[in-house]
N, C-alpha and C. Protein backbone atom coordinates (compact mmCIF):
# COMPACT_ATOMS: atom_id res chain seq x y z
N MET A 1 5.43 -19.15 -3.92
CA MET A 1 6.22 -18.59 -3.42
C MET A 1 5.17 -17.22 -2.68
N PRO A 2 6.24 -16.97 -1.79
CA PRO A 2 5.69 -16.40 -0.48
C PRO A 2 5.44 -14.43 -1.48
N ILE A 3 4.07 -13.98 -0.94
CA ILE A 3 4.33 -12.32 -0.63
C ILE A 3 4.95 -11.82 0.17
N PRO A 4 6.11 -10.60 -0.74
CA PRO A 4 6.97 -9.83 0.44
C PRO A 4 5.59 -8.77 1.12
N GLU A 5 6.40 -8.81 2.57
CA GLU A 5 5.57 -8.07 2.80
C GLU A 5 6.83 -6.99 3.79
N MET A 6 6.25 -5.95 4.16
CA MET A 6 7.16 -4.81 5.09
C MET A 6 6.00 -4.55 6.27
N THR A 7 6.74 -4.54 7.41
CA THR A 7 6.41 -4.15 8.94
C THR A 7 6.32 -2.19 8.40
N PRO A 8 4.93 -2.21 9.77
CA PRO A 8 4.67 -0.79 9.70
C PRO A 8 5.59 0.40 10.17
N THR A 9 6.73 -0.31 10.82
CA THR A 9 7.93 0.34 11.32
C THR A 9 8.61 0.75 10.42
N ARG A 10 8.66 -0.25 9.56
CA ARG A 10 9.81 0.03 8.26
C ARG A 10 9.16 1.09 7.14
N LEU A 11 8.11 0.86 6.94
CA LEU A 11 7.16 1.64 6.36
C LEU A 11 7.49 3.42 6.78
N ALA A 12 7.20 3.27 8.00
CA ALA A 12 7.89 4.67 8.18
C ALA A 12 9.05 5.04 8.27
N GLU A 13 9.91 4.27 8.80
CA GLU A 13 10.82 4.82 8.31
C GLU A 13 11.48 5.28 7.08
N LEU A 14 10.88 4.20 5.97
CA LEU A 14 10.98 4.79 4.41
C LEU A 14 10.51 6.22 4.35
N LEU A 15 9.22 6.19 5.08
CA LEU A 15 8.67 7.54 4.68
C LEU A 15 9.50 8.94 5.13
N ALA A 16 9.86 8.82 6.18
CA ALA A 16 10.72 9.83 6.94
C ALA A 16 12.17 10.17 6.05
N GLY A 17 12.54 9.13 5.07
CA GLY A 17 13.57 9.46 4.27
C GLY A 17 13.39 10.24 3.39
N PRO A 18 14.77 10.39 2.41
CA PRO A 18 14.50 11.79 1.56
C PRO A 18 13.72 11.35 0.14
N PRO A 19 12.59 12.03 -0.09
CA PRO A 19 12.00 12.00 -1.35
C PRO A 19 12.39 11.33 -2.22
N GLU A 20 13.35 11.41 -2.78
CA GLU A 20 13.83 10.61 -3.87
C GLU A 20 13.46 8.85 -3.69
N SER A 21 14.04 8.58 -1.99
CA SER A 21 13.94 7.18 -1.59
C SER A 21 12.55 6.43 -1.09
N ARG A 22 11.62 7.56 -1.42
CA ARG A 22 10.12 7.24 -0.17
C ARG A 22 9.61 6.06 -1.64
N PRO A 23 8.77 5.27 -0.99
CA PRO A 23 7.75 4.48 -1.26
C PRO A 23 6.96 4.80 -1.77
N ALA A 24 6.34 4.44 -2.88
CA ALA A 24 4.79 4.73 -3.78
C ALA A 24 3.98 3.88 -3.00
N LEU A 25 2.38 4.59 -2.27
CA LEU A 25 1.67 4.06 -1.86
C LEU A 25 0.46 3.62 -2.61
N LEU A 26 0.20 2.45 -2.31
CA LEU A 26 -1.17 2.24 -2.91
C LEU A 26 -2.29 1.21 -2.05
N ASP A 27 -3.67 2.24 -2.20
CA ASP A 27 -4.16 1.47 -1.74
C ASP A 27 -5.33 0.87 -2.11
N VAL A 28 -5.90 -0.54 -1.70
CA VAL A 28 -6.98 -1.19 -2.72
C VAL A 28 -7.91 -1.11 -1.78
N ARG A 29 -8.37 -0.56 -0.75
CA ARG A 29 -9.38 -0.35 -0.17
C ARG A 29 -10.52 -0.13 -1.30
N PHE A 30 -11.63 0.02 -0.59
CA PHE A 30 -12.67 0.74 -1.34
C PHE A 30 -12.41 2.09 -1.06
N PRO A 31 -13.59 3.23 -2.29
CA PRO A 31 -13.52 4.62 -2.00
C PRO A 31 -13.90 4.99 0.04
N ASP A 32 -14.85 4.32 0.18
CA ASP A 32 -15.22 4.70 1.72
C ASP A 32 -14.70 4.48 2.69
N GLU A 33 -14.16 3.45 2.68
CA GLU A 33 -12.39 3.32 3.11
C GLU A 33 -11.41 4.39 3.42
N HIS A 34 -11.18 4.30 2.02
CA HIS A 34 -10.27 5.43 1.65
C HIS A 34 -10.47 7.09 2.56
N GLU A 35 -11.87 7.10 2.34
CA GLU A 35 -12.18 9.10 2.73
C GLU A 35 -12.31 8.89 3.87
N TRP A 36 -12.17 7.67 4.85
CA TRP A 36 -12.31 7.36 6.00
C TRP A 36 -10.70 7.53 6.86
N VAL A 37 -10.36 6.72 6.11
CA VAL A 37 -8.55 6.86 6.57
C VAL A 37 -8.10 6.55 5.76
N ALA A 38 -6.61 7.33 5.25
CA ALA A 38 -5.70 6.74 4.53
C ALA A 38 -4.37 7.45 4.96
N ILE A 39 -3.68 6.46 4.78
CA ILE A 39 -1.74 6.85 4.71
C ILE A 39 -1.59 8.36 3.72
N PRO A 40 -1.15 9.44 4.24
CA PRO A 40 -1.29 10.61 3.31
C PRO A 40 -0.15 10.17 2.37
N GLY A 41 -0.43 10.59 1.10
CA GLY A 41 0.13 10.41 -0.16
C GLY A 41 -0.08 9.15 -1.03
N SER A 42 -1.25 8.54 -0.33
CA SER A 42 -1.22 7.02 -1.38
C SER A 42 -2.43 7.37 -2.25
N VAL A 43 -2.25 6.52 -3.20
CA VAL A 43 -3.01 6.53 -4.34
C VAL A 43 -4.40 5.57 -3.91
N LEU A 44 -5.54 5.68 -4.56
CA LEU A 44 -6.45 4.94 -4.49
C LEU A 44 -6.90 3.82 -5.48
N ILE A 45 -6.24 2.57 -5.42
CA ILE A 45 -7.43 1.84 -6.84
C ILE A 45 -7.53 0.61 -6.00
N PRO A 46 -9.18 0.66 -6.03
CA PRO A 46 -9.54 -0.78 -5.16
C PRO A 46 -9.16 -2.30 -6.03
N LEU A 47 -8.80 -3.16 -5.30
CA LEU A 47 -8.68 -4.80 -5.44
C LEU A 47 -9.29 -5.02 -6.64
N PRO A 48 -10.64 -4.74 -7.04
CA PRO A 48 -11.42 -5.41 -8.29
C PRO A 48 -10.96 -4.35 -9.28
N GLU A 49 -10.43 -3.27 -9.63
CA GLU A 49 -10.26 -2.74 -10.46
C GLU A 49 -8.37 -2.37 -10.96
N LEU A 50 -7.87 -3.05 -10.28
CA LEU A 50 -6.10 -3.34 -10.46
C LEU A 50 -6.32 -3.55 -12.34
N ASP A 51 -7.08 -4.61 -12.47
CA ASP A 51 -6.64 -5.04 -13.86
C ASP A 51 -6.85 -3.78 -15.02
N GLU A 52 -8.39 -3.43 -14.78
CA GLU A 52 -8.70 -2.36 -15.91
C GLU A 52 -8.27 -0.98 -15.73
N ARG A 53 -7.25 -0.59 -14.08
CA ARG A 53 -7.01 0.90 -14.51
C ARG A 53 -4.76 0.12 -14.55
N ALA A 54 -4.54 -0.88 -15.43
CA ALA A 54 -3.48 -1.17 -15.31
C ALA A 54 -2.36 0.02 -15.73
N ASP A 55 -2.66 0.98 -16.71
CA ASP A 55 -2.40 1.86 -17.35
C ASP A 55 -1.97 2.94 -16.31
N GLU A 56 -2.80 3.17 -15.07
CA GLU A 56 -1.95 3.41 -13.83
C GLU A 56 -1.01 3.79 -13.37
N LEU A 57 -0.93 1.91 -12.89
CA LEU A 57 0.35 1.83 -12.59
C LEU A 57 1.44 1.94 -12.85
N GLU A 58 1.57 1.46 -14.23
CA GLU A 58 2.84 2.02 -14.81
C GLU A 58 3.40 3.37 -14.51
N ALA A 59 2.50 4.33 -13.87
CA ALA A 59 3.25 5.82 -13.64
C ALA A 59 4.08 5.23 -12.19
N LEU A 60 4.20 4.03 -11.39
CA LEU A 60 4.75 3.70 -10.44
C LEU A 60 5.91 2.45 -10.57
N ARG A 61 5.95 1.98 -12.17
CA ARG A 61 7.08 1.28 -12.48
C ARG A 61 8.54 2.06 -12.47
N GLY A 62 9.33 1.34 -11.69
CA GLY A 62 10.76 1.97 -11.17
C GLY A 62 10.82 2.42 -9.56
N ARG A 63 9.66 2.24 -8.58
CA ARG A 63 9.49 2.74 -7.79
C ARG A 63 9.26 1.47 -6.84
N GLN A 64 9.60 1.46 -5.54
CA GLN A 64 9.39 0.42 -4.71
C GLN A 64 7.49 1.05 -4.35
N VAL A 65 6.77 -0.41 -4.74
CA VAL A 65 5.20 0.27 -4.22
C VAL A 65 4.69 -0.77 -2.96
N VAL A 66 4.04 -0.14 -2.21
CA VAL A 66 3.86 -0.65 -0.71
C VAL A 66 2.02 -0.56 -1.14
N VAL A 67 1.58 -1.61 -1.11
CA VAL A 67 0.33 -2.25 -0.83
C VAL A 67 -0.41 -2.55 0.02
N TYR A 68 -1.25 -1.42 0.64
CA TYR A 68 -2.04 -1.78 1.81
C TYR A 68 -3.50 -1.97 1.74
N CYS A 69 -4.04 -2.26 2.63
CA CYS A 69 -5.46 -2.35 2.72
C CYS A 69 -5.98 -2.14 4.11
N HIS A 70 -7.24 -2.55 4.80
CA HIS A 70 -7.41 -3.10 6.26
C HIS A 70 -6.42 -3.14 7.08
N HIS A 71 -6.63 -4.96 6.80
CA HIS A 71 -5.54 -5.73 8.01
C HIS A 71 -4.46 -6.53 7.26
N GLY A 72 -4.31 -6.06 6.00
CA GLY A 72 -3.46 -7.13 5.08
C GLY A 72 -3.68 -8.47 4.44
N VAL A 73 -5.08 -8.25 4.16
CA VAL A 73 -5.14 -9.22 3.41
C VAL A 73 -5.59 -9.34 1.78
N ARG A 74 -6.63 -7.61 1.83
CA ARG A 74 -6.68 -7.68 0.25
C ARG A 74 -5.20 -7.16 -0.15
N SER A 75 -4.21 -6.40 0.34
CA SER A 75 -3.14 -6.32 -0.19
C SER A 75 -2.10 -7.27 -0.44
N LEU A 76 -2.10 -8.66 -0.19
CA LEU A 76 -1.29 -9.29 0.05
C LEU A 76 -1.98 -9.78 -1.72
N ASP A 77 -2.90 -9.75 -2.42
CA ASP A 77 -3.39 -10.09 -3.93
C ASP A 77 -3.45 -9.39 -4.25
N GLY A 78 -3.27 -7.72 -4.04
CA GLY A 78 -2.55 -6.71 -5.20
C GLY A 78 -1.14 -6.69 -4.91
N THR A 79 -0.69 -6.94 -3.93
CA THR A 79 0.62 -7.10 -4.02
C THR A 79 1.45 -7.67 -5.41
N ALA A 80 0.65 -9.57 -4.95
CA ALA A 80 0.88 -10.45 -6.39
C ALA A 80 0.46 -10.14 -7.38
N TYR A 81 -0.52 -9.57 -7.69
CA TYR A 81 -0.81 -8.60 -9.39
C TYR A 81 -0.07 -7.86 -9.56
N LEU A 82 0.51 -6.83 -8.75
CA LEU A 82 1.76 -6.01 -9.44
C LEU A 82 2.85 -6.83 -9.77
N LEU A 83 2.96 -7.53 -8.51
CA LEU A 83 4.28 -8.50 -8.95
C LEU A 83 4.24 -9.21 -10.61
N SER A 84 3.15 -9.85 -10.70
CA SER A 84 2.80 -10.28 -11.78
C SER A 84 3.44 -9.71 -13.34
N LYS A 85 2.78 -7.86 -13.23
CA LYS A 85 3.11 -7.19 -13.85
C LYS A 85 4.42 -6.61 -14.13
N GLY A 86 5.51 -7.02 -13.29
CA GLY A 86 6.76 -7.04 -13.09
C GLY A 86 7.33 -5.70 -12.25
N LEU A 87 6.32 -5.07 -11.54
CA LEU A 87 6.68 -4.17 -10.45
C LEU A 87 6.94 -4.29 -9.25
N ASP A 88 7.89 -3.99 -8.93
CA ASP A 88 8.43 -3.77 -7.31
C ASP A 88 7.62 -3.63 -6.08
N ALA A 89 6.58 -4.79 -5.50
CA ALA A 89 5.77 -4.21 -4.74
C ALA A 89 5.72 -5.42 -3.36
N VAL A 90 5.41 -4.79 -2.43
CA VAL A 90 5.48 -5.33 -1.17
C VAL A 90 4.20 -5.06 -0.47
N SER A 91 3.46 -6.17 0.51
CA SER A 91 1.99 -5.77 1.59
C SER A 91 2.89 -5.16 2.50
N LEU A 92 1.69 -4.29 2.90
CA LEU A 92 1.97 -3.77 4.29
C LEU A 92 1.11 -4.39 5.08
N ARG A 93 1.96 -5.21 6.35
CA ARG A 93 1.71 -6.25 7.29
C ARG A 93 0.90 -5.83 7.72
N GLY A 94 -0.26 -6.01 8.71
CA GLY A 94 -1.22 -5.86 9.38
C GLY A 94 -2.02 -4.58 8.69
N GLY A 95 -1.45 -3.88 7.87
CA GLY A 95 -2.89 -2.93 6.98
C GLY A 95 -2.23 -1.68 7.57
N ILE A 96 -3.46 -0.50 7.07
CA ILE A 96 -3.52 0.22 7.81
C ILE A 96 -4.21 0.22 9.15
N ASP A 97 -4.40 -0.66 10.04
CA ASP A 97 -5.07 -1.01 10.90
C ASP A 97 -4.03 -0.67 11.63
N LEU A 98 -2.77 -1.81 11.78
CA LEU A 98 -1.88 -1.91 12.62
C LEU A 98 -0.77 -0.92 12.36
N TYR A 99 -0.45 -0.46 11.11
CA TYR A 99 0.00 0.86 11.25
C TYR A 99 -0.47 2.08 12.09
N SER A 100 -1.85 2.36 12.05
CA SER A 100 -2.50 3.35 12.87
C SER A 100 -1.56 2.80 14.38
N ILE A 101 -1.90 1.49 14.62
CA ILE A 101 -1.64 1.26 16.07
C ILE A 101 0.29 1.44 16.42
N GLN A 102 1.14 0.99 15.47
CA GLN A 102 2.07 1.25 15.62
C GLN A 102 3.03 2.73 15.24
N VAL A 103 2.36 2.98 14.69
CA VAL A 103 3.37 4.08 13.80
C VAL A 103 2.22 5.31 14.20
N ASP A 104 0.68 5.56 13.54
CA ASP A 104 0.54 6.70 13.99
C ASP A 104 -0.87 6.73 14.89
N PRO A 105 -0.74 6.76 16.07
CA PRO A 105 -1.75 6.61 16.52
C PRO A 105 -3.31 7.74 16.15
N THR A 106 -2.75 9.01 15.91
CA THR A 106 -3.80 9.59 15.31
C THR A 106 -4.95 9.57 13.83
N LEU A 107 -4.43 8.47 13.69
CA LEU A 107 -5.19 7.73 12.57
C LEU A 107 -6.66 7.34 12.90
N PRO A 108 -7.50 7.54 11.92
CA PRO A 108 -8.76 6.55 12.74
C PRO A 108 -8.96 5.15 12.76
N ARG A 109 -9.51 4.29 13.45
CA ARG A 109 -9.20 2.82 13.14
C ARG A 109 -10.91 2.80 13.01
N TYR A 110 -11.36 1.31 12.40
CA TYR A 110 -12.60 1.37 12.42
C TYR A 110 -12.80 -0.28 11.99
């Protein structure tokens, strides 16, 4: 079964909407990447830590979770993990790199 993905422009539309309908943002990159650049409001849980920090993911239950990484590869694995735990998750296609190109060019690229 394919992992669901969301485009950066669709995410931007949702983030511009009413607060109660905005998705949660989960960054599965490493801390140094997150410190360099992150989508505002995102929660950092590196991909290798998802299982051991699963209790933190429970706070996201009931909301759509958009999982992102640098280019959209790790986020596919993170999304698959969240889906296996029954969370409503999608991967950000192209990661924060494509998001910075299509939505917010003020975000630094690496």
